[in-house]
Structures are given as structure tokens and as C-alpha cells.
Amino acid sequence: MDLDMSNRDPNSINENVKVAFEDVIAEPEGAHSCGFIWRLSYCCFNCGKLCAYRCLTFFYGPCIAVYWGCEFAFIAFEQIWLVTPLLRVFAIYCGSCQKLFGIILNCCLAPLCTTCGLFFSQINVANGEGGQRSF
């Protein structure tokens, strides 16, 4: 797989950390420093941010990359060798339990429900006009 060295965030997952000088430091109308200080501050901000980021990535980036590589390898291993087979086992056992439960319901509960339905279907209720109404 080739690395795209010009676009290092092709999926835009780190859009929230794009920070520019104008996003952090702003002088409102009536509170302006002299132009030289403003330009110097702009250069210092950008150079400081770039130098600090490069130093941090130089010292910590490879170690953190190895950690995250191992972490995602463990997740893949866990999903492939543990979770998916375990879900398959549960599906097999639950299928058998579902069939057993269905048989028990059809044998024991269905006749009871049918009997109750026949019993309650013969109930007559008198309405307020003295007549009988069947349900």
C-alpha cells in the first residue's frame, strides 16, 4: 500500500484539530498591536506549533504507532478467533432452545389458551337497554 505524503488525512478524521493562528489569537477593533509584533507573533505561533509537533512525533510517534498497531491486531484476533466463533455457538444453542421452547408452548400452553378462548366466547353481557349482547 502506497502512502499519500501530500494528503495524510484522506478520511478527514482529524478535522477538529486544525488550529490556525486566527483561531486562537485575535485582536478586536481598537486593540491592535503594531504590525511588526503581529507578524512576529504569527511566525512564532506557527514555528512553535510546528517544532513542538515534530519533536513530539519524532520521540513518541513510532512508539505510539507500534502500540496502536498491536492494539488493533489484538482486536482483530479477538474478533476472528473468539467473538465470531462464540456468537456461532450461541446461535446454535439458541436455535435448539427456541425449537424446544416452541414445542413446550404448543403442547402445554396452546390447549389452555384454546380452552380459555372457547370458555370466554360464550359470555353474554346485558346492555343498558335490557337486551343481551353476545361476544
N, C-alpha and C. Protein backbone atom coordinates (compact mmCIF):
# COMPACT_ATOMS: atom_id res chain seq x y z
N MET A 1 0.84 -1.17 0.00
CA MET A 1 0.00 0.00 0.00
C MET A 1 0.89 1.23 0.00
N ASP A 2 0.64 2.14 -0.93
CA ASP A 2 1.44 3.36 -1.03
C ASP A 2 0.90 4.43 -0.10
N LEU A 3 1.81 5.18 0.49
CA LEU A 3 1.43 6.30 1.35
C LEU A 3 1.25 7.55 0.52
N ASP A 4 0.19 8.28 0.77
CA ASP A 4 -0.03 9.57 0.14
C ASP A 4 0.60 10.62 1.05
N MET A 5 1.77 11.09 0.68
CA MET A 5 2.51 12.03 1.53
C MET A 5 1.94 13.45 1.47
N SER A 6 1.10 13.75 0.50
CA SER A 6 0.53 15.09 0.43
C SER A 6 -0.78 15.19 1.22
N ASN A 7 -1.59 14.15 1.19
CA ASN A 7 -2.85 14.15 1.94
C ASN A 7 -2.76 13.07 3.00
N ARG A 8 -2.42 13.45 4.21
CA ARG A 8 -2.20 12.47 5.27
C ARG A 8 -3.44 12.22 6.12
N ASP A 9 -4.53 12.88 5.80
CA ASP A 9 -5.80 12.63 6.47
C ASP A 9 -6.90 12.51 5.41
N PRO A 10 -6.83 11.46 4.58
CA PRO A 10 -7.76 11.35 3.45
C PRO A 10 -9.22 11.16 3.88
N ASN A 11 -9.45 10.65 5.07
CA ASN A 11 -10.81 10.44 5.56
C ASN A 11 -11.29 11.56 6.47
N SER A 12 -10.50 12.59 6.62
CA SER A 12 -10.85 13.77 7.43
C SER A 12 -11.27 13.39 8.85
N ILE A 13 -10.50 12.53 9.49
CA ILE A 13 -10.86 12.12 10.85
C ILE A 13 -10.33 13.10 11.91
N ASN A 14 -9.42 13.98 11.52
CA ASN A 14 -8.86 14.93 12.47
C ASN A 14 -9.14 16.38 12.08
N GLU A 15 -10.32 16.63 11.54
CA GLU A 15 -10.70 17.99 11.16
C GLU A 15 -10.78 18.89 12.39
N ASN A 16 -11.10 18.33 13.54
CA ASN A 16 -11.29 19.12 14.75
C ASN A 16 -10.00 19.67 15.34
N VAL A 17 -8.84 19.20 14.91
CA VAL A 17 -7.58 19.70 15.47
C VAL A 17 -6.86 20.65 14.52
N LYS A 18 -7.53 21.07 13.48
CA LYS A 18 -6.94 22.08 12.60
C LYS A 18 -7.00 23.42 13.33
N VAL A 19 -5.87 23.88 13.79
CA VAL A 19 -5.82 25.12 14.55
C VAL A 19 -4.86 26.09 13.86
N ALA A 20 -5.38 27.24 13.51
CA ALA A 20 -4.57 28.28 12.88
C ALA A 20 -4.42 29.44 13.85
N PHE A 21 -3.48 30.29 13.57
CA PHE A 21 -3.23 31.48 14.40
C PHE A 21 -4.51 32.28 14.60
N GLU A 22 -5.28 32.45 13.54
CA GLU A 22 -6.50 33.24 13.60
C GLU A 22 -7.58 32.59 14.46
N ASP A 23 -7.49 31.28 14.68
CA ASP A 23 -8.46 30.58 15.52
C ASP A 23 -8.16 30.76 17.00
N VAL A 24 -6.93 31.17 17.32
CA VAL A 24 -6.51 31.24 18.71
C VAL A 24 -6.31 32.68 19.18
N ILE A 25 -5.64 33.45 18.37
CA ILE A 25 -5.29 34.83 18.76
C ILE A 25 -5.97 35.80 17.79
N ALA A 26 -6.69 36.75 18.35
CA ALA A 26 -7.38 37.74 17.53
C ALA A 26 -7.43 39.05 18.30
N GLU A 27 -7.19 40.12 17.61
CA GLU A 27 -7.26 41.46 18.23
C GLU A 27 -8.50 42.18 17.71
N PRO A 28 -9.39 42.54 18.61
CA PRO A 28 -10.59 43.24 18.17
C PRO A 28 -10.27 44.67 17.75
N GLU A 29 -11.21 45.28 17.09
CA GLU A 29 -11.08 46.67 16.66
C GLU A 29 -10.82 47.54 17.88
N GLY A 30 -9.83 48.40 17.79
CA GLY A 30 -9.48 49.29 18.90
C GLY A 30 -8.42 48.73 19.82
N ALA A 31 -7.99 47.51 19.62
CA ALA A 31 -6.95 46.91 20.46
C ALA A 31 -5.95 46.20 19.56
N HIS A 32 -5.28 46.95 18.70
CA HIS A 32 -4.31 46.38 17.76
C HIS A 32 -2.89 46.68 18.23
N SER A 33 -2.05 45.65 18.17
CA SER A 33 -0.63 45.87 18.40
C SER A 33 -0.03 46.38 17.10
N CYS A 34 1.22 46.79 17.17
CA CYS A 34 1.84 47.28 15.93
C CYS A 34 2.04 46.11 14.96
N GLY A 35 2.08 46.41 13.69
CA GLY A 35 2.14 45.40 12.64
C GLY A 35 3.31 44.44 12.79
N PHE A 36 4.46 44.97 13.21
CA PHE A 36 5.66 44.14 13.36
C PHE A 36 5.42 43.07 14.42
N ILE A 37 4.84 43.43 15.56
CA ILE A 37 4.59 42.47 16.65
C ILE A 37 3.55 41.43 16.19
N TRP A 38 2.54 41.88 15.46
CA TRP A 38 1.52 40.96 14.98
C TRP A 38 2.10 39.93 14.03
N ARG A 39 2.94 40.35 13.09
CA ARG A 39 3.58 39.42 12.16
C ARG A 39 4.56 38.51 12.89
N LEU A 40 5.33 39.06 13.85
CA LEU A 40 6.27 38.26 14.64
C LEU A 40 5.52 37.21 15.45
N SER A 41 4.40 37.60 16.05
CA SER A 41 3.59 36.66 16.83
C SER A 41 3.06 35.54 15.93
N TYR A 42 2.65 35.89 14.73
CA TYR A 42 2.16 34.90 13.77
C TYR A 42 3.26 33.89 13.44
N CYS A 43 4.46 34.39 13.17
CA CYS A 43 5.59 33.50 12.86
C CYS A 43 5.96 32.63 14.06
N CYS A 44 6.00 33.22 15.26
CA CYS A 44 6.35 32.47 16.47
C CYS A 44 5.32 31.38 16.76
N PHE A 45 4.04 31.71 16.61
CA PHE A 45 2.98 30.72 16.85
C PHE A 45 3.14 29.53 15.90
N ASN A 46 3.25 29.80 14.62
CA ASN A 46 3.34 28.72 13.63
C ASN A 46 4.62 27.92 13.77
N CYS A 47 5.76 28.60 14.01
CA CYS A 47 7.02 27.87 14.18
C CYS A 47 7.02 27.05 15.45
N GLY A 48 6.50 27.63 16.54
CA GLY A 48 6.43 26.90 17.81
C GLY A 48 5.55 25.68 17.71
N LYS A 49 4.40 25.84 17.07
CA LYS A 49 3.47 24.72 16.91
C LYS A 49 4.10 23.62 16.06
N LEU A 50 4.72 24.00 14.95
CA LEU A 50 5.33 23.03 14.04
C LEU A 50 6.52 22.33 14.71
N CYS A 51 7.38 23.09 15.38
CA CYS A 51 8.56 22.48 16.04
C CYS A 51 8.13 21.53 17.16
N ALA A 52 7.19 21.96 17.99
CA ALA A 52 6.74 21.11 19.09
C ALA A 52 6.10 19.84 18.56
N TYR A 53 5.26 19.98 17.52
CA TYR A 53 4.61 18.81 16.95
C TYR A 53 5.63 17.85 16.36
N ARG A 54 6.59 18.38 15.65
CA ARG A 54 7.61 17.50 15.05
C ARG A 54 8.47 16.82 16.10
N CYS A 55 8.82 17.53 17.17
CA CYS A 55 9.61 16.90 18.25
C CYS A 55 8.81 15.80 18.93
N LEU A 56 7.54 16.08 19.24
CA LEU A 56 6.70 15.07 19.88
C LEU A 56 6.53 13.84 18.99
N THR A 57 6.29 14.06 17.71
CA THR A 57 6.12 12.91 16.81
C THR A 57 7.43 12.17 16.60
N PHE A 58 8.55 12.88 16.63
CA PHE A 58 9.84 12.22 16.46
C PHE A 58 10.12 11.28 17.63
N PHE A 59 9.88 11.75 18.85
CA PHE A 59 10.20 10.94 20.03
C PHE A 59 9.11 9.92 20.38
N TYR A 60 7.86 10.31 20.25
CA TYR A 60 6.78 9.45 20.71
C TYR A 60 5.99 8.77 19.59
N GLY A 61 5.99 9.32 18.41
CA GLY A 61 5.18 8.80 17.31
C GLY A 61 5.40 7.33 17.00
N PRO A 62 6.66 6.89 16.79
CA PRO A 62 6.87 5.46 16.47
C PRO A 62 6.40 4.52 17.58
N CYS A 63 6.64 4.90 18.83
CA CYS A 63 6.23 4.03 19.95
C CYS A 63 4.71 3.94 20.03
N ILE A 64 4.04 5.08 19.86
CA ILE A 64 2.58 5.08 19.91
C ILE A 64 2.02 4.34 18.71
N ALA A 65 2.65 4.47 17.55
CA ALA A 65 2.19 3.75 16.37
C ALA A 65 2.30 2.24 16.57
N VAL A 66 3.37 1.78 17.20
CA VAL A 66 3.52 0.35 17.49
C VAL A 66 2.43 -0.09 18.46
N TYR A 67 2.19 0.73 19.48
CA TYR A 67 1.14 0.39 20.45
C TYR A 67 -0.21 0.23 19.75
N TRP A 68 -0.60 1.23 18.93
CA TRP A 68 -1.90 1.17 18.27
C TRP A 68 -1.96 0.03 17.25
N GLY A 69 -0.85 -0.26 16.60
CA GLY A 69 -0.82 -1.41 15.70
C GLY A 69 -1.09 -2.70 16.45
N CYS A 70 -0.45 -2.87 17.60
CA CYS A 70 -0.67 -4.06 18.43
C CYS A 70 -2.10 -4.09 18.96
N GLU A 71 -2.62 -2.94 19.35
CA GLU A 71 -4.00 -2.87 19.87
C GLU A 71 -5.01 -3.33 18.82
N PHE A 72 -4.87 -2.81 17.59
CA PHE A 72 -5.81 -3.21 16.54
C PHE A 72 -5.57 -4.64 16.08
N ALA A 73 -4.35 -5.13 16.18
CA ALA A 73 -4.09 -6.54 15.90
C ALA A 73 -4.78 -7.41 16.94
N PHE A 74 -4.74 -7.01 18.20
CA PHE A 74 -5.42 -7.75 19.26
C PHE A 74 -6.93 -7.75 19.03
N ILE A 75 -7.48 -6.60 18.65
CA ILE A 75 -8.92 -6.52 18.39
C ILE A 75 -9.30 -7.46 17.23
N ALA A 76 -8.51 -7.46 16.17
CA ALA A 76 -8.79 -8.35 15.04
C ALA A 76 -8.70 -9.81 15.48
N PHE A 77 -7.66 -10.15 16.24
CA PHE A 77 -7.51 -11.51 16.75
C PHE A 77 -8.71 -11.91 17.59
N GLU A 78 -9.11 -11.02 18.48
CA GLU A 78 -10.23 -11.29 19.38
C GLU A 78 -11.53 -11.50 18.60
N GLN A 79 -11.77 -10.68 17.61
CA GLN A 79 -12.99 -10.82 16.81
C GLN A 79 -12.98 -12.10 15.98
N ILE A 80 -11.83 -12.40 15.36
CA ILE A 80 -11.74 -13.56 14.47
C ILE A 80 -11.73 -14.87 15.24
N TRP A 81 -10.96 -14.95 16.31
CA TRP A 81 -10.75 -16.22 16.98
C TRP A 81 -11.62 -16.44 18.22
N LEU A 82 -12.24 -15.38 18.76
CA LEU A 82 -13.05 -15.55 19.97
C LEU A 82 -14.51 -15.17 19.77
N VAL A 83 -14.76 -13.93 19.38
CA VAL A 83 -16.13 -13.41 19.36
C VAL A 83 -16.97 -14.10 18.29
N THR A 84 -16.49 -14.16 17.06
CA THR A 84 -17.29 -14.74 15.98
C THR A 84 -17.61 -16.23 16.24
N PRO A 85 -16.64 -17.06 16.63
CA PRO A 85 -17.00 -18.45 16.95
C PRO A 85 -17.96 -18.55 18.13
N LEU A 86 -17.78 -17.69 19.13
CA LEU A 86 -18.67 -17.72 20.29
C LEU A 86 -20.09 -17.35 19.89
N LEU A 87 -20.25 -16.36 19.02
CA LEU A 87 -21.58 -16.00 18.53
C LEU A 87 -22.20 -17.15 17.75
N ARG A 88 -21.40 -17.85 17.00
CA ARG A 88 -21.90 -19.01 16.24
C ARG A 88 -22.39 -20.10 17.19
N VAL A 89 -21.63 -20.36 18.26
CA VAL A 89 -22.04 -21.35 19.26
C VAL A 89 -23.36 -20.93 19.89
N PHE A 90 -23.48 -19.67 20.27
CA PHE A 90 -24.73 -19.18 20.86
C PHE A 90 -25.90 -19.32 19.88
N ALA A 91 -25.67 -19.05 18.60
CA ALA A 91 -26.73 -19.18 17.61
C ALA A 91 -27.20 -20.62 17.51
N ILE A 92 -26.28 -21.57 17.57
CA ILE A 92 -26.64 -22.99 17.51
C ILE A 92 -27.45 -23.39 18.73
N TYR A 93 -26.95 -23.04 19.93
CA TYR A 93 -27.66 -23.40 21.16
C TYR A 93 -29.00 -22.70 21.26
N CYS A 94 -29.05 -21.43 20.88
CA CYS A 94 -30.32 -20.70 20.96
C CYS A 94 -31.34 -21.25 19.96
N GLY A 95 -30.87 -21.69 18.81
CA GLY A 95 -31.78 -22.32 17.84
C GLY A 95 -32.42 -23.57 18.41
N SER A 96 -31.61 -24.38 19.09
CA SER A 96 -32.14 -25.60 19.72
C SER A 96 -33.11 -25.25 20.86
N CYS A 97 -32.75 -24.26 21.65
CA CYS A 97 -33.62 -23.84 22.76
C CYS A 97 -34.93 -23.27 22.22
N GLN A 98 -34.87 -22.56 21.11
CA GLN A 98 -36.06 -21.98 20.50
C GLN A 98 -37.01 -23.09 20.04
N LYS A 99 -36.47 -24.13 19.43
CA LYS A 99 -37.31 -25.25 19.00
C LYS A 99 -37.94 -25.95 20.20
N LEU A 100 -37.17 -26.20 21.24
CA LEU A 100 -37.67 -26.86 22.45
C LEU A 100 -38.76 -26.02 23.11
N PHE A 101 -38.53 -24.73 23.23
CA PHE A 101 -39.49 -23.83 23.84
C PHE A 101 -40.78 -23.78 23.02
N GLY A 102 -40.66 -23.78 21.69
CA GLY A 102 -41.83 -23.79 20.82
C GLY A 102 -42.66 -25.05 21.00
N ILE A 103 -42.00 -26.19 21.12
CA ILE A 103 -42.70 -27.46 21.32
C ILE A 103 -43.44 -27.44 22.66
N ILE A 104 -42.78 -26.97 23.70
CA ILE A 104 -43.41 -26.92 25.03
C ILE A 104 -44.63 -25.99 25.01
N LEU A 105 -44.49 -24.83 24.36
CA LEU A 105 -45.62 -23.91 24.28
C LEU A 105 -46.78 -24.52 23.51
N ASN A 106 -46.49 -25.16 22.39
CA ASN A 106 -47.56 -25.77 21.59
C ASN A 106 -48.24 -26.93 22.31
N CYS A 107 -47.51 -27.69 23.11
CA CYS A 107 -48.08 -28.83 23.80
C CYS A 107 -48.82 -28.45 25.08
N CYS A 108 -48.29 -27.50 25.82
CA CYS A 108 -48.85 -27.18 27.14
C CYS A 108 -49.72 -25.93 27.15
N LEU A 109 -49.26 -24.87 26.52
CA LEU A 109 -49.96 -23.60 26.62
C LEU A 109 -51.04 -23.43 25.56
N ALA A 110 -50.84 -23.97 24.37
CA ALA A 110 -51.82 -23.80 23.29
C ALA A 110 -53.18 -24.41 23.65
N PRO A 111 -53.25 -25.63 24.21
CA PRO A 111 -54.57 -26.16 24.59
C PRO A 111 -55.25 -25.32 25.67
N LEU A 112 -54.48 -24.83 26.60
CA LEU A 112 -55.04 -23.99 27.66
C LEU A 112 -55.61 -22.70 27.08
N CYS A 113 -54.88 -22.07 26.18
CA CYS A 113 -55.35 -20.83 25.55
C CYS A 113 -56.59 -21.09 24.70
N THR A 114 -56.62 -22.21 23.99
CA THR A 114 -57.79 -22.57 23.18
C THR A 114 -59.01 -22.78 24.07
N THR A 115 -58.83 -23.48 25.16
CA THR A 115 -59.92 -23.73 26.10
C THR A 115 -60.44 -22.43 26.70
N CYS A 116 -59.55 -21.56 27.12
CA CYS A 116 -59.96 -20.26 27.68
C CYS A 116 -60.69 -19.44 26.63
N GLY A 117 -60.23 -19.49 25.41
CA GLY A 117 -60.90 -18.76 24.33
C GLY A 117 -62.31 -19.25 24.11
N LEU A 118 -62.51 -20.58 24.11
CA LEU A 118 -63.86 -21.15 23.94
C LEU A 118 -64.74 -20.81 25.14
N PHE A 119 -64.16 -20.86 26.32
CA PHE A 119 -64.93 -20.57 27.54
C PHE A 119 -65.42 -19.12 27.53
N PHE A 120 -64.53 -18.17 27.25
CA PHE A 120 -64.89 -16.76 27.30
C PHE A 120 -65.72 -16.33 26.09
N SER A 121 -65.73 -17.12 25.02
CA SER A 121 -66.54 -16.75 23.85
C SER A 121 -68.02 -16.93 24.10
N GLN A 122 -68.40 -17.68 25.13
CA GLN A 122 -69.81 -17.94 25.44
C GLN A 122 -70.39 -16.95 26.44
N ILE A 123 -69.67 -15.92 26.82
CA ILE A 123 -70.14 -14.94 27.79
C ILE A 123 -71.09 -13.97 27.12
N ASN A 124 -72.23 -13.72 27.77
CA ASN A 124 -73.21 -12.74 27.31
C ASN A 124 -73.25 -11.61 28.32
N VAL A 125 -73.26 -10.38 27.83
CA VAL A 125 -73.29 -9.21 28.70
C VAL A 125 -74.56 -8.43 28.38
N ALA A 126 -75.27 -8.03 29.43
CA ALA A 126 -76.50 -7.25 29.23
C ALA A 126 -76.13 -5.80 29.01
N ASN A 127 -76.77 -5.17 28.00
CA ASN A 127 -76.52 -3.74 27.80
C ASN A 127 -77.52 -2.96 28.63
N GLY A 128 -77.41 -1.65 28.63
CA GLY A 128 -78.26 -0.79 29.48
C GLY A 128 -79.70 -0.77 29.06
N GLU A 129 -80.09 -1.31 27.93
CA GLU A 129 -81.47 -1.29 27.44
C GLU A 129 -82.21 -2.59 27.76
N GLY A 130 -81.60 -3.43 28.54
CA GLY A 130 -82.26 -4.67 28.93
C GLY A 130 -82.06 -5.81 27.98
N GLY A 131 -81.36 -5.61 26.89
CA GLY A 131 -81.13 -6.67 25.92
C GLY A 131 -79.84 -7.42 26.21
N GLN A 132 -79.66 -8.51 25.55
CA GLN A 132 -78.45 -9.31 25.71
C GLN A 132 -77.55 -9.09 24.48
N ARG A 133 -76.27 -9.05 24.72
CA ARG A 133 -75.31 -8.94 23.62
C ARG A 133 -74.28 -10.06 23.76
N SER A 134 -74.02 -10.81 22.70
CA SER A 134 -73.03 -11.89 22.72
C SER A 134 -71.72 -11.39 22.15
N PHE A 135 -70.67 -11.92 22.64
CA PHE A 135 -69.34 -11.57 22.14
C PHE A 135 -68.69 -12.76 21.49
